[in-house]
Amino acid sequence: MNNYKIRWDFNTLAGWVDGSQNMKGLVNYHINKGELNISTRANTWDRPKIRTFKKKYKTGKYTWKVYVPKLGMGDMASIGAFIYNDDKHELDFEIGYGATTVRDSLDVAPDEVIAYMTSQALPFQSIPTKIKREQWHVLEIELIKNKNKYEAIWYINNTEKSRLSLNYGDQFSFYIFCSVENLKFIGDHIPFQDNYGVFDYVQFEEY
């Protein structure tokens, strides 16, 4: 196998295409000094996102360096770093303020938000953990082969946080996505303010 590594430093959007939903043609992302800024508007269900042009990525390590801002208190807004084949074959980081019930159960501090590590199906898993806001974080999803199936490992800042054996293998390849979406599960109310996330780079290293 010809191992390779590809890294996008966001000096341009070459290799990426729009993957937005609910935007009606509005482009809510831009490049500035080698960083990708994606934003959502208050009182909307905006779902701006970009994805790789090709759906070809399989075993290896997927890395996003992401700045997580303060985020609106209780806002249903999620910063997403994820890989996607279809709605049943999707692995995510989803970062948001978090619903009050979840924040209380995790004893989340005022300077923290919640990062969910999710497999959308086959099997479903969604594991919440606390991370600091107003900081950069390195998010990684590693896919390795285990008896012809994928095993997925989620890392935050080089620390393993979750591991899951999937019910499928490398017959499925993935797009890589960056997003900020107003999603109902991750807060208490429709966003009261504009929210954003910043992506410094994305990298894929094939194994």
N, C-alpha and C. Protein backbone atom coordinates (compact mmCIF):
# COMPACT_ATOMS: atom_id res chain seq x y z
N MET A 1 0.85 -1.20 0.00
CA MET A 1 0.00 0.00 0.00
C MET A 1 0.88 1.25 0.00
N ASN A 2 0.51 2.19 -0.79
CA ASN A 2 1.28 3.43 -0.88
C ASN A 2 0.81 4.41 0.19
N ASN A 3 1.51 4.38 1.32
CA ASN A 3 1.13 5.29 2.41
C ASN A 3 1.38 6.73 2.00
N TYR A 4 0.53 7.61 2.44
CA TYR A 4 0.75 9.02 2.15
C TYR A 4 0.12 9.86 3.24
N LYS A 5 0.52 11.11 3.25
CA LYS A 5 -0.02 12.10 4.18
C LYS A 5 -0.41 13.33 3.37
N ILE A 6 -1.58 13.86 3.65
CA ILE A 6 -2.01 15.10 3.00
C ILE A 6 -2.47 16.07 4.07
N ARG A 7 -2.10 17.32 3.91
CA ARG A 7 -2.45 18.35 4.89
C ARG A 7 -2.95 19.58 4.16
N TRP A 8 -4.05 20.12 4.67
CA TRP A 8 -4.63 21.34 4.13
C TRP A 8 -4.44 22.45 5.16
N ASP A 9 -3.66 23.46 4.80
CA ASP A 9 -3.36 24.57 5.71
C ASP A 9 -4.29 25.77 5.52
N PHE A 10 -5.26 25.64 4.63
CA PHE A 10 -6.29 26.66 4.42
C PHE A 10 -5.73 28.02 4.01
N ASN A 11 -4.66 27.98 3.21
CA ASN A 11 -4.29 29.19 2.48
C ASN A 11 -5.25 29.41 1.32
N THR A 12 -5.83 28.30 0.84
CA THR A 12 -6.92 28.34 -0.15
C THR A 12 -7.91 27.24 0.25
N LEU A 13 -8.99 27.14 -0.50
CA LEU A 13 -9.94 26.05 -0.31
C LEU A 13 -9.80 25.00 -1.40
N ALA A 14 -8.65 24.93 -2.03
CA ALA A 14 -8.39 23.91 -3.04
C ALA A 14 -8.56 22.52 -2.44
N GLY A 15 -9.29 21.66 -3.13
CA GLY A 15 -9.53 20.31 -2.66
C GLY A 15 -10.79 20.16 -1.83
N TRP A 16 -11.47 21.29 -1.56
CA TRP A 16 -12.69 21.28 -0.74
C TRP A 16 -13.86 21.84 -1.55
N VAL A 17 -15.06 21.38 -1.20
CA VAL A 17 -16.28 21.88 -1.83
C VAL A 17 -17.31 22.18 -0.75
N ASP A 18 -18.32 22.94 -1.13
CA ASP A 18 -19.38 23.28 -0.19
C ASP A 18 -20.21 22.05 0.14
N GLY A 19 -20.53 21.90 1.43
CA GLY A 19 -21.40 20.81 1.86
C GLY A 19 -22.53 21.31 2.74
N SER A 20 -22.86 22.60 2.61
CA SER A 20 -23.80 23.25 3.54
C SER A 20 -25.23 22.77 3.35
N GLN A 21 -26.01 22.94 4.43
CA GLN A 21 -27.45 22.72 4.41
C GLN A 21 -28.13 23.93 5.04
N ASN A 22 -29.37 24.18 4.61
CA ASN A 22 -30.21 25.25 5.17
C ASN A 22 -29.68 26.65 4.92
N MET A 23 -28.77 26.82 3.96
CA MET A 23 -28.12 28.13 3.78
C MET A 23 -28.71 28.94 2.63
N LYS A 24 -29.48 28.30 1.75
CA LYS A 24 -30.12 28.99 0.61
C LYS A 24 -29.10 29.80 -0.19
N GLY A 25 -27.94 29.20 -0.40
CA GLY A 25 -26.91 29.82 -1.22
C GLY A 25 -25.95 30.73 -0.47
N LEU A 26 -26.24 31.05 0.77
CA LEU A 26 -25.35 31.91 1.55
C LEU A 26 -24.09 31.14 1.92
N VAL A 27 -22.94 31.77 1.76
CA VAL A 27 -21.65 31.16 2.12
C VAL A 27 -21.19 31.75 3.44
N ASN A 28 -21.21 30.94 4.50
CA ASN A 28 -20.89 31.42 5.84
C ASN A 28 -19.51 30.94 6.29
N TYR A 29 -18.55 30.94 5.37
CA TYR A 29 -17.18 30.58 5.74
C TYR A 29 -16.22 31.36 4.85
N HIS A 30 -15.02 31.58 5.38
CA HIS A 30 -14.01 32.30 4.62
C HIS A 30 -12.63 31.94 5.15
N ILE A 31 -11.65 32.19 4.30
CA ILE A 31 -10.24 31.98 4.64
C ILE A 31 -9.65 33.32 5.07
N ASN A 32 -8.88 33.29 6.16
CA ASN A 32 -8.19 34.50 6.62
C ASN A 32 -6.85 34.10 7.22
N LYS A 33 -5.75 34.48 6.56
CA LYS A 33 -4.40 34.25 7.07
C LYS A 33 -4.16 32.79 7.44
N GLY A 34 -4.54 31.90 6.53
CA GLY A 34 -4.29 30.48 6.72
C GLY A 34 -5.22 29.81 7.70
N GLU A 35 -6.36 30.41 7.99
CA GLU A 35 -7.35 29.81 8.88
C GLU A 35 -8.71 29.84 8.22
N LEU A 36 -9.47 28.78 8.43
CA LEU A 36 -10.83 28.69 7.94
C LEU A 36 -11.79 29.06 9.07
N ASN A 37 -12.58 30.08 8.84
CA ASN A 37 -13.58 30.54 9.82
C ASN A 37 -14.96 30.18 9.28
N ILE A 38 -15.73 29.43 10.08
CA ILE A 38 -17.10 29.06 9.73
C ILE A 38 -18.02 29.62 10.80
N SER A 39 -19.14 30.21 10.40
CA SER A 39 -20.02 30.84 11.38
C SER A 39 -21.48 30.53 11.09
N THR A 40 -22.30 30.63 12.15
CA THR A 40 -23.75 30.52 12.02
C THR A 40 -24.39 31.78 12.58
N ARG A 41 -25.58 32.07 12.10
CA ARG A 41 -26.29 33.27 12.53
C ARG A 41 -27.26 32.96 13.66
N ALA A 42 -27.47 33.96 14.50
CA ALA A 42 -28.46 33.84 15.57
C ALA A 42 -29.84 33.58 14.98
N ASN A 43 -30.65 32.86 15.76
CA ASN A 43 -32.06 32.64 15.43
C ASN A 43 -32.27 31.98 14.07
N THR A 44 -31.34 31.10 13.69
CA THR A 44 -31.46 30.32 12.46
C THR A 44 -31.10 28.88 12.76
N TRP A 45 -31.34 28.02 11.75
CA TRP A 45 -30.83 26.65 11.78
C TRP A 45 -29.76 26.48 10.70
N ASP A 46 -28.89 27.48 10.62
CA ASP A 46 -27.78 27.44 9.67
C ASP A 46 -26.94 26.18 9.86
N ARG A 47 -26.49 25.60 8.73
CA ARG A 47 -25.62 24.42 8.78
C ARG A 47 -24.51 24.54 7.73
N PRO A 48 -23.66 25.57 7.83
CA PRO A 48 -22.57 25.70 6.86
C PRO A 48 -21.47 24.68 7.12
N LYS A 49 -20.93 24.13 6.04
CA LYS A 49 -19.83 23.17 6.17
C LYS A 49 -19.15 22.99 4.82
N ILE A 50 -17.92 22.54 4.89
CA ILE A 50 -17.19 22.16 3.69
C ILE A 50 -16.72 20.72 3.85
N ARG A 51 -16.47 20.08 2.70
CA ARG A 51 -15.97 18.71 2.70
C ARG A 51 -14.91 18.55 1.62
N THR A 52 -14.11 17.50 1.78
CA THR A 52 -13.14 17.18 0.75
C THR A 52 -13.87 16.85 -0.56
N PHE A 53 -13.19 17.15 -1.65
CA PHE A 53 -13.76 16.89 -2.96
C PHE A 53 -13.97 15.39 -3.17
N LYS A 54 -13.04 14.60 -2.65
CA LYS A 54 -13.10 13.15 -2.87
C LYS A 54 -13.52 12.41 -1.61
N LYS A 55 -14.32 11.34 -1.82
CA LYS A 55 -14.71 10.43 -0.74
C LYS A 55 -13.85 9.18 -0.89
N LYS A 56 -12.59 9.29 -0.42
CA LYS A 56 -11.65 8.20 -0.68
C LYS A 56 -10.85 7.79 0.55
N TYR A 57 -11.09 8.40 1.69
CA TYR A 57 -10.22 8.22 2.85
C TYR A 57 -10.70 7.05 3.69
N LYS A 58 -9.75 6.21 4.11
CA LYS A 58 -10.08 4.98 4.84
C LYS A 58 -9.23 4.89 6.10
N THR A 59 -8.47 3.79 6.25
CA THR A 59 -7.67 3.61 7.46
C THR A 59 -6.58 4.67 7.56
N GLY A 60 -6.36 5.15 8.78
CA GLY A 60 -5.36 6.18 9.02
C GLY A 60 -5.80 7.10 10.13
N LYS A 61 -5.13 8.23 10.22
CA LYS A 61 -5.45 9.20 11.27
C LYS A 61 -5.91 10.51 10.63
N TYR A 62 -7.08 10.96 11.09
CA TYR A 62 -7.68 12.21 10.64
C TYR A 62 -7.47 13.25 11.75
N THR A 63 -6.93 14.42 11.40
CA THR A 63 -6.58 15.42 12.40
C THR A 63 -7.15 16.78 12.01
N TRP A 64 -7.75 17.45 12.98
CA TRP A 64 -8.22 18.83 12.83
C TRP A 64 -7.64 19.65 13.97
N LYS A 65 -7.09 20.82 13.69
CA LYS A 65 -6.73 21.77 14.74
C LYS A 65 -7.79 22.87 14.74
N VAL A 66 -8.50 22.98 15.88
CA VAL A 66 -9.73 23.78 15.93
C VAL A 66 -9.67 24.74 17.12
N TYR A 67 -10.05 25.99 16.86
CA TYR A 67 -10.22 26.96 17.95
C TYR A 67 -11.69 26.95 18.37
N VAL A 68 -11.89 26.74 19.67
CA VAL A 68 -13.24 26.70 20.25
C VAL A 68 -13.46 28.01 21.01
N PRO A 69 -14.33 28.89 20.54
CA PRO A 69 -14.55 30.16 21.22
C PRO A 69 -15.47 30.01 22.43
N LYS A 70 -15.92 31.13 22.93
CA LYS A 70 -16.76 31.11 24.13
C LYS A 70 -18.08 30.38 23.89
N LEU A 71 -18.68 30.59 22.74
CA LEU A 71 -19.99 30.04 22.35
C LEU A 71 -21.11 30.61 23.24
N GLY A 72 -22.28 30.79 22.64
CA GLY A 72 -23.40 31.37 23.37
C GLY A 72 -23.94 30.44 24.42
N MET A 73 -24.20 30.95 25.61
CA MET A 73 -24.71 30.14 26.71
C MET A 73 -26.04 29.50 26.32
N GLY A 74 -26.08 28.17 26.33
CA GLY A 74 -27.30 27.44 26.00
C GLY A 74 -27.61 27.34 24.52
N ASP A 75 -26.79 27.97 23.68
CA ASP A 75 -27.05 27.96 22.23
C ASP A 75 -26.91 26.56 21.66
N MET A 76 -27.82 26.21 20.76
CA MET A 76 -27.74 24.95 20.03
C MET A 76 -26.83 25.13 18.82
N ALA A 77 -25.53 25.27 19.07
CA ALA A 77 -24.54 25.48 18.02
C ALA A 77 -23.39 24.50 18.23
N SER A 78 -22.99 23.83 17.16
CA SER A 78 -21.98 22.77 17.24
C SER A 78 -20.86 23.01 16.25
N ILE A 79 -19.62 22.97 16.73
CA ILE A 79 -18.44 22.95 15.87
C ILE A 79 -18.17 21.49 15.54
N GLY A 80 -18.13 21.17 14.25
CA GLY A 80 -17.99 19.78 13.84
C GLY A 80 -16.70 19.50 13.11
N ALA A 81 -16.05 18.40 13.48
CA ALA A 81 -14.90 17.84 12.77
C ALA A 81 -15.23 16.37 12.60
N PHE A 82 -15.49 15.95 11.36
CA PHE A 82 -16.05 14.60 11.21
C PHE A 82 -15.74 14.01 9.84
N ILE A 83 -15.94 12.68 9.77
CA ILE A 83 -15.80 11.96 8.51
C ILE A 83 -17.14 11.31 8.20
N TYR A 84 -17.46 11.26 6.90
CA TYR A 84 -18.83 10.92 6.51
C TYR A 84 -18.83 10.12 5.21
N ASN A 85 -19.52 8.98 5.24
CA ASN A 85 -19.85 8.26 4.01
C ASN A 85 -21.33 8.42 3.69
N ASP A 86 -22.17 8.07 4.68
CA ASP A 86 -23.60 8.31 4.61
C ASP A 86 -24.10 8.42 6.05
N ASP A 87 -25.41 8.53 6.23
CA ASP A 87 -25.93 8.82 7.57
C ASP A 87 -25.69 7.69 8.57
N LYS A 88 -25.40 6.50 8.10
CA LYS A 88 -25.10 5.38 9.01
C LYS A 88 -23.60 5.15 9.18
N HIS A 89 -22.81 5.72 8.32
CA HIS A 89 -21.36 5.55 8.36
C HIS A 89 -20.74 6.94 8.51
N GLU A 90 -20.73 7.42 9.76
CA GLU A 90 -20.28 8.78 10.08
C GLU A 90 -19.69 8.78 11.49
N LEU A 91 -18.52 9.39 11.61
CA LEU A 91 -17.82 9.50 12.91
C LEU A 91 -17.49 10.96 13.14
N ASP A 92 -17.80 11.46 14.36
CA ASP A 92 -17.78 12.90 14.59
C ASP A 92 -17.10 13.31 15.89
N PHE A 93 -16.56 14.53 15.84
CA PHE A 93 -16.45 15.39 17.01
C PHE A 93 -17.51 16.48 16.84
N GLU A 94 -18.30 16.70 17.86
CA GLU A 94 -19.30 17.78 17.85
C GLU A 94 -19.15 18.55 19.16
N ILE A 95 -18.80 19.82 19.06
CA ILE A 95 -18.44 20.62 20.23
C ILE A 95 -19.42 21.77 20.37
N GLY A 96 -20.03 21.87 21.56
CA GLY A 96 -20.98 22.95 21.79
C GLY A 96 -21.09 23.28 23.27
N TYR A 97 -21.90 24.28 23.55
CA TYR A 97 -22.09 24.69 24.95
C TYR A 97 -22.66 23.56 25.78
N GLY A 98 -23.63 22.85 25.21
CA GLY A 98 -24.22 21.70 25.89
C GLY A 98 -25.51 22.06 26.61
N ALA A 99 -26.42 21.11 26.62
CA ALA A 99 -27.67 21.29 27.35
C ALA A 99 -27.40 21.33 28.86
N THR A 100 -28.22 22.07 29.57
CA THR A 100 -28.02 22.23 31.02
C THR A 100 -27.97 20.88 31.73
N THR A 101 -28.83 19.95 31.35
CA THR A 101 -28.86 18.64 32.02
C THR A 101 -27.53 17.91 31.84
N VAL A 102 -26.95 18.01 30.65
CA VAL A 102 -25.67 17.33 30.39
C VAL A 102 -24.54 18.05 31.12
N ARG A 103 -24.54 19.37 31.09
CA ARG A 103 -23.51 20.13 31.80
C ARG A 103 -23.54 19.80 33.29
N ASP A 104 -24.73 19.72 33.84
CA ASP A 104 -24.84 19.41 35.26
C ASP A 104 -24.34 18.00 35.56
N SER A 105 -24.66 17.05 34.70
CA SER A 105 -24.26 15.66 34.95
C SER A 105 -22.76 15.47 34.86
N LEU A 106 -22.09 16.30 34.04
CA LEU A 106 -20.63 16.21 33.89
C LEU A 106 -19.89 17.20 34.78
N ASP A 107 -20.64 18.03 35.53
CA ASP A 107 -20.02 19.06 36.37
C ASP A 107 -19.11 19.96 35.54
N VAL A 108 -19.67 20.49 34.46
CA VAL A 108 -18.91 21.33 33.53
C VAL A 108 -18.69 22.71 34.13
N ALA A 109 -17.44 23.17 34.11
CA ALA A 109 -17.08 24.47 34.66
C ALA A 109 -17.49 25.59 33.71
N PRO A 110 -17.59 26.84 34.20
CA PRO A 110 -17.97 27.95 33.33
C PRO A 110 -17.04 28.15 32.14
N ASP A 111 -15.76 27.79 32.27
CA ASP A 111 -14.82 27.98 31.16
C ASP A 111 -14.68 26.72 30.30
N GLU A 112 -15.67 25.82 30.39
CA GLU A 112 -15.64 24.59 29.62
C GLU A 112 -16.89 24.45 28.76
N VAL A 113 -16.75 23.70 27.67
CA VAL A 113 -17.88 23.30 26.83
C VAL A 113 -17.79 21.78 26.69
N ILE A 114 -18.69 21.22 25.89
CA ILE A 114 -18.77 19.77 25.78
C ILE A 114 -18.39 19.33 24.37
N ALA A 115 -17.53 18.32 24.30
CA ALA A 115 -17.19 17.67 23.03
C ALA A 115 -17.81 16.28 23.02
N TYR A 116 -18.64 16.03 22.03
CA TYR A 116 -19.21 14.70 21.84
C TYR A 116 -18.38 13.94 20.81
N MET A 117 -18.10 12.67 21.12
CA MET A 117 -17.42 11.77 20.19
C MET A 117 -18.45 10.73 19.78
N THR A 118 -18.84 10.78 18.50
CA THR A 118 -20.05 10.10 18.06
C THR A 118 -19.79 9.18 16.89
N SER A 119 -20.38 7.99 16.96
CA SER A 119 -20.61 7.13 15.81
C SER A 119 -22.11 7.14 15.56
N GLN A 120 -22.52 7.59 14.39
CA GLN A 120 -23.94 7.80 14.15
C GLN A 120 -24.74 6.50 14.10
N ALA A 121 -24.07 5.38 13.79
CA ALA A 121 -24.76 4.08 13.72
C ALA A 121 -23.71 2.98 13.58
N LEU A 122 -24.18 1.74 13.72
CA LEU A 122 -23.38 0.54 13.41
C LEU A 122 -22.06 0.43 14.17
N PRO A 123 -22.03 0.46 15.48
CA PRO A 123 -23.14 0.81 16.38
C PRO A 123 -23.18 2.31 16.68
N PHE A 124 -24.32 2.74 17.23
CA PHE A 124 -24.41 4.13 17.70
C PHE A 124 -23.64 4.29 19.01
N GLN A 125 -22.93 5.41 19.11
CA GLN A 125 -22.29 5.80 20.37
C GLN A 125 -22.14 7.31 20.38
N SER A 126 -22.37 7.93 21.51
CA SER A 126 -22.13 9.37 21.64
C SER A 126 -21.62 9.64 23.05
N ILE A 127 -20.33 9.90 23.15
CA ILE A 127 -19.66 10.04 24.44
C ILE A 127 -19.32 11.52 24.66
N PRO A 128 -19.85 12.16 25.71
CA PRO A 128 -19.50 13.55 25.98
C PRO A 128 -18.29 13.66 26.90
N THR A 129 -17.49 14.70 26.67
CA THR A 129 -16.38 14.99 27.56
C THR A 129 -16.22 16.50 27.64
N LYS A 130 -15.56 16.98 28.67
CA LYS A 130 -15.39 18.41 28.88
C LYS A 130 -14.09 18.88 28.22
N ILE A 131 -14.14 20.06 27.58
CA ILE A 131 -12.92 20.69 27.08
C ILE A 131 -12.99 22.20 27.37
N LYS A 132 -11.84 22.83 27.40
CA LYS A 132 -11.78 24.27 27.65
C LYS A 132 -12.22 25.06 26.43
N ARG A 133 -12.96 26.12 26.67
CA ARG A 133 -13.30 27.03 25.59
C ARG A 133 -12.23 28.12 25.47
N GLU A 134 -12.30 28.89 24.38
CA GLU A 134 -11.34 29.96 24.09
C GLU A 134 -9.91 29.41 24.04
N GLN A 135 -9.78 28.23 23.44
CA GLN A 135 -8.48 27.58 23.26
C GLN A 135 -8.47 26.80 21.95
N TRP A 136 -7.24 26.55 21.46
CA TRP A 136 -7.04 25.63 20.35
C TRP A 136 -7.01 24.20 20.87
N HIS A 137 -7.57 23.29 20.08
CA HIS A 137 -7.54 21.87 20.41
C HIS A 137 -7.19 21.06 19.17
N VAL A 138 -6.41 20.00 19.36
CA VAL A 138 -6.12 19.05 18.28
C VAL A 138 -7.04 17.85 18.45
N LEU A 139 -7.90 17.64 17.46
CA LEU A 139 -8.89 16.56 17.47
C LEU A 139 -8.47 15.51 16.45
N GLU A 140 -8.48 14.25 16.85
CA GLU A 140 -8.06 13.19 15.95
C GLU A 140 -9.03 12.01 16.02
N ILE A 141 -9.33 11.48 14.86
CA ILE A 141 -10.04 10.20 14.74
C ILE A 141 -9.11 9.25 14.01
N GLU A 142 -8.80 8.14 14.64
CA GLU A 142 -7.95 7.12 14.03
C GLU A 142 -8.80 5.92 13.65
N LEU A 143 -8.64 5.46 12.42
CA LEU A 143 -9.31 4.24 11.96
C LEU A 143 -8.26 3.18 11.70
N ILE A 144 -8.36 2.07 12.40
CA ILE A 144 -7.47 0.95 12.19
C ILE A 144 -8.29 -0.28 11.84
N LYS A 145 -7.64 -1.28 11.24
CA LYS A 145 -8.31 -2.53 10.88
C LYS A 145 -8.23 -3.50 12.05
N ASN A 146 -9.35 -4.14 12.35
CA ASN A 146 -9.42 -5.17 13.38
C ASN A 146 -10.35 -6.27 12.88
N LYS A 147 -9.74 -7.38 12.40
CA LYS A 147 -10.52 -8.50 11.86
C LYS A 147 -11.45 -8.04 10.73
N ASN A 148 -10.86 -7.29 9.80
CA ASN A 148 -11.57 -6.81 8.61
C ASN A 148 -12.66 -5.78 8.90
N LYS A 149 -12.71 -5.29 10.12
CA LYS A 149 -13.63 -4.20 10.47
C LYS A 149 -12.81 -3.01 10.95
N TYR A 150 -13.42 -1.85 10.92
CA TYR A 150 -12.77 -0.66 11.46
C TYR A 150 -12.86 -0.65 12.99
N GLU A 151 -11.81 -0.19 13.62
CA GLU A 151 -11.87 0.24 15.00
C GLU A 151 -11.57 1.73 15.01
N ALA A 152 -12.43 2.51 15.65
CA ALA A 152 -12.29 3.96 15.68
C ALA A 152 -11.80 4.41 17.05
N ILE A 153 -10.83 5.33 17.05
CA ILE A 153 -10.28 5.86 18.29
C ILE A 153 -10.32 7.39 18.19
N TRP A 154 -10.88 8.01 19.21
CA TRP A 154 -10.97 9.47 19.28
C TRP A 154 -9.91 10.00 20.26
N TYR A 155 -9.16 11.01 19.83
CA TYR A 155 -8.16 11.65 20.68
C TYR A 155 -8.45 13.15 20.76
N ILE A 156 -8.21 13.73 21.93
CA ILE A 156 -8.23 15.18 22.09
C ILE A 156 -6.89 15.58 22.70
N ASN A 157 -6.17 16.42 21.99
CA ASN A 157 -4.85 16.90 22.44
C ASN A 157 -3.94 15.74 22.83
N ASN A 158 -3.90 14.75 21.92
CA ASN A 158 -3.00 13.58 22.02
C ASN A 158 -3.36 12.61 23.13
N THR A 159 -4.54 12.74 23.72
CA THR A 159 -5.00 11.81 24.76
C THR A 159 -6.19 11.03 24.23
N GLU A 160 -6.09 9.70 24.29
CA GLU A 160 -7.22 8.88 23.86
C GLU A 160 -8.41 9.10 24.77
N LYS A 161 -9.58 9.35 24.16
CA LYS A 161 -10.80 9.63 24.92
C LYS A 161 -11.89 8.59 24.72
N SER A 162 -11.88 7.89 23.59
CA SER A 162 -12.92 6.91 23.32
C SER A 162 -12.43 5.95 22.26
N ARG A 163 -12.97 4.72 22.30
CA ARG A 163 -12.60 3.69 21.34
C ARG A 163 -13.83 2.82 21.08
N LEU A 164 -14.02 2.46 19.81
CA LEU A 164 -15.23 1.73 19.44
C LEU A 164 -14.95 0.80 18.26
N SER A 165 -15.34 -0.46 18.38
CA SER A 165 -15.28 -1.39 17.25
C SER A 165 -16.54 -1.22 16.40
N LEU A 166 -16.34 -0.97 15.11
CA LEU A 166 -17.46 -0.71 14.21
C LEU A 166 -17.90 -2.00 13.52
N ASN A 167 -19.12 -1.99 13.01
CA ASN A 167 -19.68 -3.17 12.36
C ASN A 167 -19.42 -3.19 10.86
N TYR A 168 -18.47 -2.40 10.40
CA TYR A 168 -18.15 -2.33 8.97
C TYR A 168 -16.66 -2.04 8.81
N GLY A 169 -16.18 -2.25 7.62
CA GLY A 169 -14.76 -2.08 7.35
C GLY A 169 -14.49 -1.22 6.13
N ASP A 170 -13.34 -1.50 5.47
CA ASP A 170 -12.86 -0.55 4.47
C ASP A 170 -13.53 -0.68 3.10
N GLN A 171 -14.68 -1.37 3.06
CA GLN A 171 -15.54 -1.20 1.88
C GLN A 171 -16.19 0.19 1.89
N PHE A 172 -16.08 0.86 3.03
CA PHE A 172 -16.61 2.22 3.17
C PHE A 172 -15.46 3.22 3.29
N SER A 173 -15.48 4.22 2.44
CA SER A 173 -14.52 5.33 2.50
C SER A 173 -15.27 6.60 2.87
N PHE A 174 -14.51 7.66 3.17
CA PHE A 174 -15.11 8.84 3.80
C PHE A 174 -14.71 10.15 3.12
N TYR A 175 -15.64 11.09 3.17
CA TYR A 175 -15.31 12.51 3.04
C TYR A 175 -14.81 13.00 4.39
N ILE A 176 -14.01 14.07 4.38
CA ILE A 176 -13.62 14.78 5.60
C ILE A 176 -14.38 16.11 5.62
N PHE A 177 -14.95 16.45 6.77
CA PHE A 177 -15.78 17.65 6.90
C PHE A 177 -15.25 18.59 7.97
N CYS A 178 -15.49 19.88 7.78
CA CYS A 178 -15.38 20.92 8.81
C CYS A 178 -16.71 21.67 8.82
N SER A 179 -17.23 21.95 10.00
CA SER A 179 -18.56 22.58 10.05
C SER A 179 -18.75 23.39 11.32
N VAL A 180 -19.70 24.29 11.27
CA VAL A 180 -20.35 24.85 12.45
C VAL A 180 -21.85 24.83 12.12
N GLU A 181 -22.61 24.11 12.93
CA GLU A 181 -24.03 23.92 12.62
C GLU A 181 -24.88 24.19 13.85
N ASN A 182 -26.02 24.81 13.62
CA ASN A 182 -26.99 24.99 14.69
C ASN A 182 -27.84 23.73 14.78
N LEU A 183 -27.54 22.90 15.79
CA LEU A 183 -28.14 21.57 15.93
C LEU A 183 -28.83 21.46 17.28
N LYS A 184 -30.01 20.88 17.29
CA LYS A 184 -30.87 20.93 18.47
C LYS A 184 -30.33 20.14 19.66
N PHE A 185 -29.54 19.12 19.43
CA PHE A 185 -29.17 18.24 20.55
C PHE A 185 -28.15 18.87 21.49
N ILE A 186 -27.47 19.93 21.08
CA ILE A 186 -26.27 20.35 21.81
C ILE A 186 -26.46 21.60 22.66
N GLY A 187 -27.70 21.98 22.92
CA GLY A 187 -27.95 23.16 23.75
C GLY A 187 -29.37 23.15 24.27
N ASP A 188 -29.80 24.32 24.74
CA ASP A 188 -31.14 24.46 25.33
C ASP A 188 -32.11 25.24 24.46
N HIS A 189 -31.60 26.00 23.49
CA HIS A 189 -32.48 26.87 22.71
C HIS A 189 -31.82 27.23 21.39
N ILE A 190 -32.63 27.70 20.45
CA ILE A 190 -32.10 28.22 19.19
C ILE A 190 -31.04 29.28 19.53
N PRO A 191 -29.94 29.34 18.79
CA PRO A 191 -28.88 30.27 19.18
C PRO A 191 -29.36 31.72 19.27
N PHE A 192 -29.00 32.35 20.37
CA PHE A 192 -29.33 33.76 20.59
C PHE A 192 -28.26 34.69 20.02
N GLN A 193 -27.11 34.13 19.63
CA GLN A 193 -26.03 34.95 19.07
C GLN A 193 -25.42 34.23 17.88
N ASP A 194 -24.65 34.96 17.07
CA ASP A 194 -23.83 34.34 16.04
C ASP A 194 -22.74 33.52 16.74
N ASN A 195 -22.42 32.36 16.19
CA ASN A 195 -21.35 31.53 16.72
C ASN A 195 -20.40 31.15 15.60
N TYR A 196 -19.20 30.73 15.98
CA TYR A 196 -18.20 30.41 14.95
C TYR A 196 -17.21 29.39 15.49
N GLY A 197 -16.46 28.81 14.57
CA GLY A 197 -15.30 27.99 14.89
C GLY A 197 -14.21 28.28 13.88
N VAL A 198 -12.96 28.04 14.25
CA VAL A 198 -11.82 28.32 13.38
C VAL A 198 -11.00 27.03 13.23
N PHE A 199 -10.64 26.74 11.99
CA PHE A 199 -9.85 25.55 11.67
C PHE A 199 -8.49 26.00 11.14
N ASP A 200 -7.42 25.64 11.84
CA ASP A 200 -6.07 26.00 11.42
C ASP A 200 -5.57 25.08 10.31
N TYR A 201 -5.82 23.79 10.47
CA TYR A 201 -5.46 22.84 9.42
C TYR A 201 -6.26 21.56 9.60
N VAL A 202 -6.29 20.77 8.53
CA VAL A 202 -6.81 19.40 8.54
C VAL A 202 -5.75 18.52 7.91
N GLN A 203 -5.58 17.33 8.46
CA GLN A 203 -4.57 16.41 7.94
C GLN A 203 -5.11 14.99 7.92
N PHE A 204 -4.72 14.24 6.90
CA PHE A 204 -5.00 12.80 6.86
C PHE A 204 -3.71 12.07 6.60
N GLU A 205 -3.42 11.09 7.45
CA GLU A 205 -2.26 10.23 7.27
C GLU A 205 -2.74 8.81 7.09
N GLU A 206 -2.49 8.26 5.93
CA GLU A 206 -2.93 6.89 5.61
C GLU A 206 -2.00 5.86 6.25
N TYR A 207 -2.58 4.79 6.76
CA TYR A 207 -1.80 3.66 7.29
C TYR A 207 -1.77 2.53 6.27
